[in-house]
Amino acid sequence: MASMISTIINSYIMNIGNKKVVLIIQQKKQNSIQRSENVKLSNYKALSFLNYQQLKEVIDDFSSLHYAIVKGEVLSQLCYNHLGERISSDIDILVPREELSQIENILSKHGFVSQTKRADRILKLSASHELGAFIKEYNGIRTILDVNFDIFWGEYTGKRVNMTDFLSDTVEVDIYGVTIRTLPLLKTVVQLILHHYKEMNSLYHLATHDTININMFNDVYQLIKNNKERISLGMLYDISLDYNIVPYMYYVFFYTRQLFEDKLLDEACTLFQTPEGIDLLDSYGLTEDERKRWKVDFKTRLLAHNAYELIKDDLNESDLKKIALNTSVFG
């Protein structure tokens, strides 16, 4: 997958508007590049295996609680049929806010240490979707567990999803010999798309991270393409209506379609299109107050490793303070 992604980045031709997006995927890569990528992938798989072994006893103690391991290796299996195809520096877990104390006690019992300061903890709980990283170091291996308690971002003002209900129908899967719980397929798509929307629109992430990249769209495309026999767009639309997230689904499907030409994505864009979703396409920001219009096209955003240079002239004092605060808290 890594080889395919780098090939796409290096070789696609994009025209936004009435013209189609054409992806020219080279059939061969230089042997040296392939070897380098293979070594990186092999090292990552070995590290991921060890990380999951560190989680086994933790997961056993989570048995009476609501939780789901999301993204990472779970998506690797669902999107690409193999573990280790998505490189991630941590393991993400989704839990209800009401069970955070129990989760923290179990992590502490097994040697995972919170990286959040007491003052920052208050801000994370009140104005974000995550408690942040818990790290365990053992025999030179650093296992990072990122604890999330919401599928929406902190700024979200709509009706939030009850996370205990959201996590009530998790399914068991095997990751490197460790049985973990994850979300059912429909909710996996929902969680992934909301995560991507947040990353693509957060002022903090745009200013400090490479948050608009082809990998994220490839994950969305491969997830629905690889599982189209198990879920339908109609089923996905119904659950999106229930959670009132249709415009966000359209937003991510639209930009995924700019990169991958597929009838399935055409159908998704048609089904999920709403006036609200269309209005979101050329803007960024997670609240009405901070939302601004992009002055560059999607191609420019996609190829920029850091979007700060693209938005800095539009940021006001309040925006800059928010970015600085988030940087001090989240890194």
Protein backbone atom coordinates (compact mmCIF):
# COMPACT_ATOMS: atom_id res chain seq x y z
CA MET A 1 0.00 0.00 0.00
CA ALA A 2 2.81 2.42 0.85
CA SER A 3 4.35 1.88 -2.59
CA MET A 4 1.02 2.48 -4.29
CA ILE A 5 0.42 5.69 -2.35
CA SER A 6 3.83 7.16 -3.15
CA THR A 7 3.32 6.26 -6.80
CA ILE A 8 -0.01 8.06 -6.92
CA ILE A 9 1.42 11.15 -5.28
CA ASN A 10 4.26 11.28 -7.77
CA SER A 11 2.27 10.64 -10.89
CA TYR A 12 -1.31 11.89 -10.86
CA ILE A 13 -2.66 14.73 -12.95
CA MET A 14 -5.49 16.68 -11.44
CA ASN A 15 -7.96 19.15 -12.90
CA ILE A 16 -10.75 20.41 -10.67
CA GLY A 17 -13.97 21.56 -12.30
CA ASN A 18 -15.83 19.89 -15.14
CA LYS A 19 -12.76 17.92 -16.15
CA LYS A 20 -12.13 14.47 -14.73
CA VAL A 21 -9.33 13.69 -12.36
CA VAL A 22 -6.89 11.38 -14.09
CA LEU A 23 -4.63 9.16 -12.03
CA ILE A 24 -1.64 7.73 -13.82
CA ILE A 25 -0.27 4.92 -11.70
CA GLN A 26 3.17 3.76 -12.72
CA GLN A 27 3.55 -0.01 -12.92
CA LYS A 28 7.13 -0.17 -11.73
CA LYS A 29 9.14 1.61 -9.08
CA GLN A 30 12.88 1.80 -8.73
CA ASN A 31 14.15 -1.29 -6.89
CA SER A 32 15.97 0.79 -4.28
CA ILE A 33 12.78 2.64 -3.35
CA GLN A 34 10.85 -0.62 -3.14
CA ARG A 35 13.47 -2.19 -0.90
CA SER A 36 13.44 0.81 1.41
CA GLU A 37 9.66 0.75 1.69
CA ASN A 38 9.66 -3.01 2.32
CA VAL A 39 12.17 -2.64 5.15
CA LYS A 40 10.11 0.14 6.76
CA LEU A 41 6.94 -1.93 6.47
CA SER A 42 8.62 -5.01 7.93
CA ASN A 43 9.98 -3.01 10.88
CA TYR A 44 6.57 -1.46 11.49
CA LYS A 45 4.82 -4.85 11.50
CA ALA A 46 7.29 -6.18 14.05
CA LEU A 47 6.81 -3.15 16.28
CA SER A 48 3.02 -3.29 15.91
CA PHE A 49 3.08 -6.97 16.90
CA LEU A 50 5.03 -6.13 20.08
CA ASN A 51 2.71 -3.23 20.89
CA TYR A 52 -0.34 -5.48 20.76
CA GLN A 53 1.34 -8.00 23.05
CA GLN A 54 1.69 -5.18 25.59
CA LEU A 55 -2.06 -4.59 25.31
CA LYS A 56 -3.20 -8.16 25.92
CA GLU A 57 -3.58 -7.97 29.70
CA VAL A 58 -5.04 -4.47 29.43
CA ILE A 59 -7.68 -5.71 27.01
CA ASP A 60 -8.51 -8.59 29.36
CA ASP A 61 -9.19 -6.10 32.15
CA PHE A 62 -11.39 -4.02 29.80
CA SER A 63 -13.77 -6.96 29.38
CA SER A 64 -16.58 -5.45 31.50
CA LEU A 65 -16.24 -1.98 29.93
CA HIS A 66 -17.35 -0.39 26.66
CA TYR A 67 -14.48 0.21 24.27
CA ALA A 68 -13.37 -0.16 20.66
CA ILE A 69 -9.92 -0.12 19.09
CA VAL A 70 -10.23 2.05 15.97
CA LYS A 71 -8.16 2.96 12.91
CA GLY A 72 -4.63 1.50 12.78
CA GLU A 73 -4.43 -2.24 12.31
CA VAL A 74 -8.22 -2.65 12.33
CA LEU A 75 -8.47 -0.43 9.25
CA SER A 76 -5.45 -2.10 7.71
CA GLN A 77 -7.32 -5.39 7.76
CA LEU A 78 -10.62 -3.94 6.55
CA CYS A 79 -9.14 -1.76 3.82
CA TYR A 80 -6.22 -3.82 2.54
CA ASN A 81 -6.87 -7.36 3.84
CA HIS A 82 -3.54 -7.45 5.68
CA LEU A 83 -2.15 -6.20 8.96
CA GLY A 84 0.66 -3.66 8.88
CA GLU A 85 -0.49 -1.85 5.74
CA ARG A 86 -1.32 1.39 7.57
CA ILE A 87 1.59 2.87 9.49
CA SER A 88 0.56 4.50 12.77
CA SER A 89 2.59 5.66 15.75
CA ASP A 90 -0.09 4.79 18.31
CA ILE A 91 -3.12 2.62 19.01
CA ASP A 92 -6.44 4.50 19.21
CA ILE A 93 -9.14 3.44 21.63
CA LEU A 94 -12.66 4.86 21.83
CA VAL A 95 -14.44 4.77 25.22
CA PRO A 96 -17.41 6.50 26.88
CA ARG A 97 -16.57 9.54 28.96
CA GLU A 98 -18.38 7.94 31.91
CA GLU A 99 -15.87 5.07 32.01
CA LEU A 100 -12.69 7.13 31.71
CA SER A 101 -11.72 6.73 35.36
CA GLN A 102 -11.93 2.95 35.16
CA ILE A 103 -9.98 2.96 31.91
CA GLU A 104 -7.26 5.13 33.44
CA ASN A 105 -6.98 2.92 36.52
CA ILE A 106 -6.52 -0.18 34.39
CA LEU A 107 -3.91 1.51 32.21
CA SER A 108 -2.02 2.70 35.28
CA LYS A 109 -2.14 -0.82 36.74
CA HIS A 110 -0.38 -2.13 33.62
CA GLY A 111 2.32 0.54 33.51
CA PHE A 112 0.78 3.02 31.07
CA VAL A 113 1.52 6.59 32.11
CA SER A 114 -0.66 9.55 31.09
CA GLN A 115 1.20 12.27 29.22
CA THR A 116 -1.40 14.89 30.14
CA LYS A 117 -0.72 17.52 32.80
CA ARG A 118 -3.45 18.15 35.38
CA ALA A 119 -4.26 21.64 34.00
CA ASP A 120 -4.35 20.34 30.44
CA ARG A 121 -6.59 17.46 31.46
CA ILE A 122 -9.38 19.88 32.34
CA LEU A 123 -9.16 21.51 28.91
CA LYS A 124 -9.11 18.17 27.11
CA LEU A 125 -12.17 16.92 28.95
CA SER A 126 -14.15 20.11 28.44
CA ALA A 127 -13.13 21.18 24.95
CA SER A 128 -11.87 18.19 22.99
CA HIS A 129 -12.68 14.61 22.06
CA GLU A 130 -9.62 12.96 23.61
CA LEU A 131 -7.73 12.47 26.83
CA GLY A 132 -4.51 11.91 24.91
CA ALA A 133 -1.64 9.48 25.07
CA PHE A 134 -0.82 6.87 27.69
CA ILE A 135 2.66 5.44 27.22
CA LYS A 136 4.34 2.29 28.45
CA GLU A 137 8.05 1.72 27.91
CA TYR A 138 9.28 -1.85 28.18
CA ASN A 139 12.56 -3.34 26.94
CA GLY A 140 13.13 -0.36 24.65
CA ILE A 141 9.64 -0.58 23.13
CA ARG A 142 7.36 2.43 23.50
CA THR A 143 3.67 1.49 23.32
CA ILE A 144 1.35 4.48 22.90
CA LEU A 145 -2.38 4.21 23.55
CA ASP A 146 -4.41 7.26 22.54
CA VAL A 147 -7.66 7.52 24.52
CA ASN A 148 -10.67 9.13 22.79
CA PHE A 149 -14.12 9.63 24.30
CA ASP A 150 -16.11 11.11 21.41
CA ILE A 151 -16.47 10.73 17.65
CA PHE A 152 -17.08 14.47 17.31
CA TRP A 153 -14.62 17.29 17.82
CA GLY A 154 -14.65 19.51 20.89
CA GLU A 155 -16.17 22.48 19.02
CA TYR A 156 -19.14 20.48 17.77
CA THR A 157 -22.44 22.15 18.74
CA GLY A 158 -24.91 19.60 17.36
CA LYS A 159 -26.48 16.69 19.20
CA ARG A 160 -23.73 14.35 20.33
CA VAL A 161 -23.90 10.60 20.03
CA ASN A 162 -24.24 8.64 23.27
CA MET A 163 -20.92 6.79 23.30
CA THR A 164 -22.14 3.94 25.51
CA ASP A 165 -24.83 3.21 22.92
CA PHE A 166 -22.36 3.70 20.07
CA LEU A 167 -20.08 1.10 21.64
CA SER A 168 -22.85 -1.35 22.54
CA ASP A 169 -22.49 -3.61 19.49
CA THR A 170 -18.73 -3.93 19.08
CA VAL A 171 -17.29 -6.98 17.35
CA GLU A 172 -14.26 -9.08 18.24
CA VAL A 173 -11.29 -9.39 15.88
CA ASP A 174 -7.85 -10.92 16.18
CA ILE A 175 -4.85 -8.61 15.86
CA TYR A 176 -1.50 -10.41 16.10
CA GLY A 177 -3.02 -13.09 18.33
CA VAL A 178 -4.74 -10.58 20.66
CA THR A 179 -8.54 -10.58 20.66
CA ILE A 180 -9.79 -6.99 20.74
CA ARG A 181 -13.13 -5.27 20.21
CA THR A 182 -13.73 -2.84 17.40
CA LEU A 183 -16.68 -1.05 15.82
CA PRO A 184 -19.03 -2.81 13.42
CA LEU A 185 -18.41 -1.88 9.80
CA LEU A 186 -21.00 0.89 9.39
CA LYS A 187 -19.78 2.68 12.51
CA THR A 188 -16.17 2.19 11.40
CA VAL A 189 -16.96 4.20 8.25
CA VAL A 190 -18.73 6.86 10.31
CA GLN A 191 -15.86 7.19 12.79
CA LEU A 192 -13.24 7.37 10.04
CA ILE A 193 -15.05 10.00 8.00
CA LEU A 194 -15.76 12.22 11.00
CA HIS A 195 -12.11 11.91 12.00
CA HIS A 196 -10.97 12.94 8.51
CA TYR A 197 -13.41 15.85 8.35
CA LYS A 198 -12.11 17.11 11.68
CA GLU A 199 -8.47 16.80 10.59
CA MET A 200 -9.13 18.62 7.31
CA ASN A 201 -10.92 21.53 8.98
CA SER A 202 -9.28 22.07 12.36
CA LEU A 203 -7.24 25.29 12.38
CA TYR A 204 -4.78 23.65 14.76
CA HIS A 205 -4.26 20.59 12.58
CA LEU A 206 -4.04 22.61 9.38
CA ALA A 207 -1.41 24.85 10.93
CA THR A 208 0.71 22.14 12.54
CA HIS A 209 0.15 18.81 10.76
CA ASP A 210 0.02 17.27 7.29
CA THR A 211 -3.72 16.72 7.56
CA ILE A 212 -4.83 16.76 3.93
CA ASN A 213 -3.09 13.85 2.24
CA ILE A 214 -3.87 11.10 -0.20
CA ASN A 215 -3.57 8.35 2.42
CA MET A 216 -6.71 9.50 4.19
CA PHE A 217 -8.79 9.44 1.02
CA ASN A 218 -7.35 6.09 0.00
CA ASP A 219 -8.45 4.64 3.35
CA VAL A 220 -12.02 5.85 2.77
CA TYR A 221 -12.09 4.53 -0.80
CA GLN A 222 -10.61 1.14 0.04
CA LEU A 223 -12.86 0.75 3.09
CA ILE A 224 -16.12 1.12 1.18
CA LYS A 225 -14.83 -0.60 -1.99
CA ASN A 226 -13.39 -3.59 -0.15
CA ASN A 227 -16.56 -4.09 1.89
CA LYS A 228 -19.30 -3.17 -0.59
CA GLU A 229 -20.80 -6.67 -0.33
CA ARG A 230 -21.25 -6.23 3.43
CA ILE A 231 -22.64 -2.71 3.58
CA SER A 232 -24.67 -0.62 1.16
CA LEU A 233 -24.65 3.11 0.63
CA GLY A 234 -28.30 3.09 1.68
CA MET A 235 -27.40 1.57 5.04
CA LEU A 236 -24.63 4.12 5.47
CA TYR A 237 -26.98 6.96 4.56
CA ASP A 238 -29.55 5.81 7.13
CA ILE A 239 -27.06 5.75 10.00
CA SER A 240 -25.70 9.13 8.86
CA LEU A 241 -29.21 10.57 9.02
CA ASP A 242 -29.59 9.18 12.55
CA TYR A 243 -26.38 10.93 13.63
CA ASN A 244 -27.13 14.08 11.60
CA ILE A 245 -23.79 13.91 9.79
CA VAL A 246 -24.82 13.69 6.11
CA PRO A 247 -23.05 16.97 5.10
CA TYR A 248 -19.76 15.77 6.62
CA MET A 249 -20.08 12.41 4.85
CA TYR A 250 -20.67 14.21 1.55
CA TYR A 251 -17.66 16.45 2.12
CA VAL A 252 -15.26 13.52 2.51
CA PHE A 253 -16.85 11.44 -0.26
CA PHE A 254 -16.64 14.41 -2.64
CA TYR A 255 -12.91 14.87 -2.17
CA THR A 256 -12.27 11.13 -2.23
CA ARG A 257 -13.99 11.12 -5.63
CA GLN A 258 -11.57 13.79 -6.87
CA LEU A 259 -8.78 11.24 -6.55
CA PHE A 260 -10.43 7.93 -7.34
CA GLU A 261 -12.71 7.42 -10.30
CA ASP A 262 -15.30 4.85 -9.31
CA LYS A 263 -19.05 4.48 -9.88
CA LEU A 264 -19.45 3.68 -6.19
CA LEU A 265 -18.08 7.09 -5.23
CA ASP A 266 -20.27 8.76 -7.86
CA GLU A 267 -23.29 7.14 -6.25
CA ALA A 268 -22.13 8.16 -2.77
CA CYS A 269 -21.73 11.78 -3.81
CA THR A 270 -25.19 11.83 -5.38
CA LEU A 271 -26.86 10.20 -2.39
CA PHE A 272 -25.16 12.27 0.31
CA GLN A 273 -25.22 15.65 -1.45
CA THR A 274 -26.95 18.40 0.50
CA PRO A 275 -26.83 22.22 0.25
CA GLU A 276 -25.02 22.25 3.61
CA GLY A 277 -22.46 19.76 2.35
CA ILE A 278 -21.84 21.71 -0.84
CA ASP A 279 -21.33 24.88 1.18
CA LEU A 280 -18.65 23.17 3.28
CA LEU A 281 -16.53 22.15 0.29
CA ASP A 282 -14.61 25.37 -0.22
CA SER A 283 -14.26 26.33 3.42
CA TYR A 284 -12.29 25.29 6.49
CA GLY A 285 -12.83 25.69 10.21
CA LEU A 286 -14.87 23.66 12.70
CA THR A 287 -17.23 26.42 13.89
CA GLU A 288 -19.32 29.04 12.13
CA ASP A 289 -17.29 31.81 13.78
CA GLU A 290 -13.92 30.55 12.57
CA ARG A 291 -15.00 29.19 9.17
CA LYS A 292 -13.23 30.75 6.21
CA ARG A 293 -13.12 30.25 2.47
CA TRP A 294 -10.15 28.56 0.85
CA LYS A 295 -8.18 30.79 -1.51
CA VAL A 296 -6.44 27.84 -3.17
CA ASP A 297 -7.79 24.79 -4.96
CA PHE A 298 -7.87 21.23 -3.67
CA LYS A 299 -4.76 20.19 -5.58
CA THR A 300 -2.73 22.88 -3.83
CA ARG A 301 -4.08 21.84 -0.43
CA LEU A 302 -3.34 18.19 -1.11
CA LEU A 303 0.25 18.77 -2.16
CA ALA A 304 1.06 21.15 0.70
CA HIS A 305 2.71 19.21 3.55
CA ASN A 306 1.68 21.97 5.90
CA ALA A 307 -1.29 24.18 5.13
CA TYR A 308 -0.23 27.00 7.47
CA GLU A 309 1.35 28.96 4.64
CA LEU A 310 -1.94 28.71 2.76
CA ILE A 311 -4.11 30.08 5.57
CA LYS A 312 -1.86 32.29 7.71
CA ASP A 313 -2.95 35.56 6.10
CA ASP A 314 -6.59 34.81 6.90
CA LEU A 315 -6.12 33.95 10.57
CA ASN A 316 -7.22 36.53 13.12
CA GLU A 317 -5.96 37.01 16.67
CA SER A 318 -8.54 34.62 18.09
CA ASP A 319 -7.53 31.94 15.60
CA LEU A 320 -3.86 32.31 16.43
CA LYS A 321 -4.54 32.10 20.16
CA LYS A 322 -6.56 28.93 19.63
CA ILE A 323 -3.77 27.35 17.57
CA ALA A 324 -1.17 28.31 20.18
CA LEU A 325 -3.29 26.92 23.03
CA ASN A 326 -3.92 23.64 21.24
CA THR A 327 -0.24 23.33 20.38
CA SER A 328 0.74 23.75 24.03
CA VAL A 329 -1.80 21.14 25.14
CA PHE A 330 -1.72 18.59 22.35
CA GLY A 331 1.80 19.13 21.04
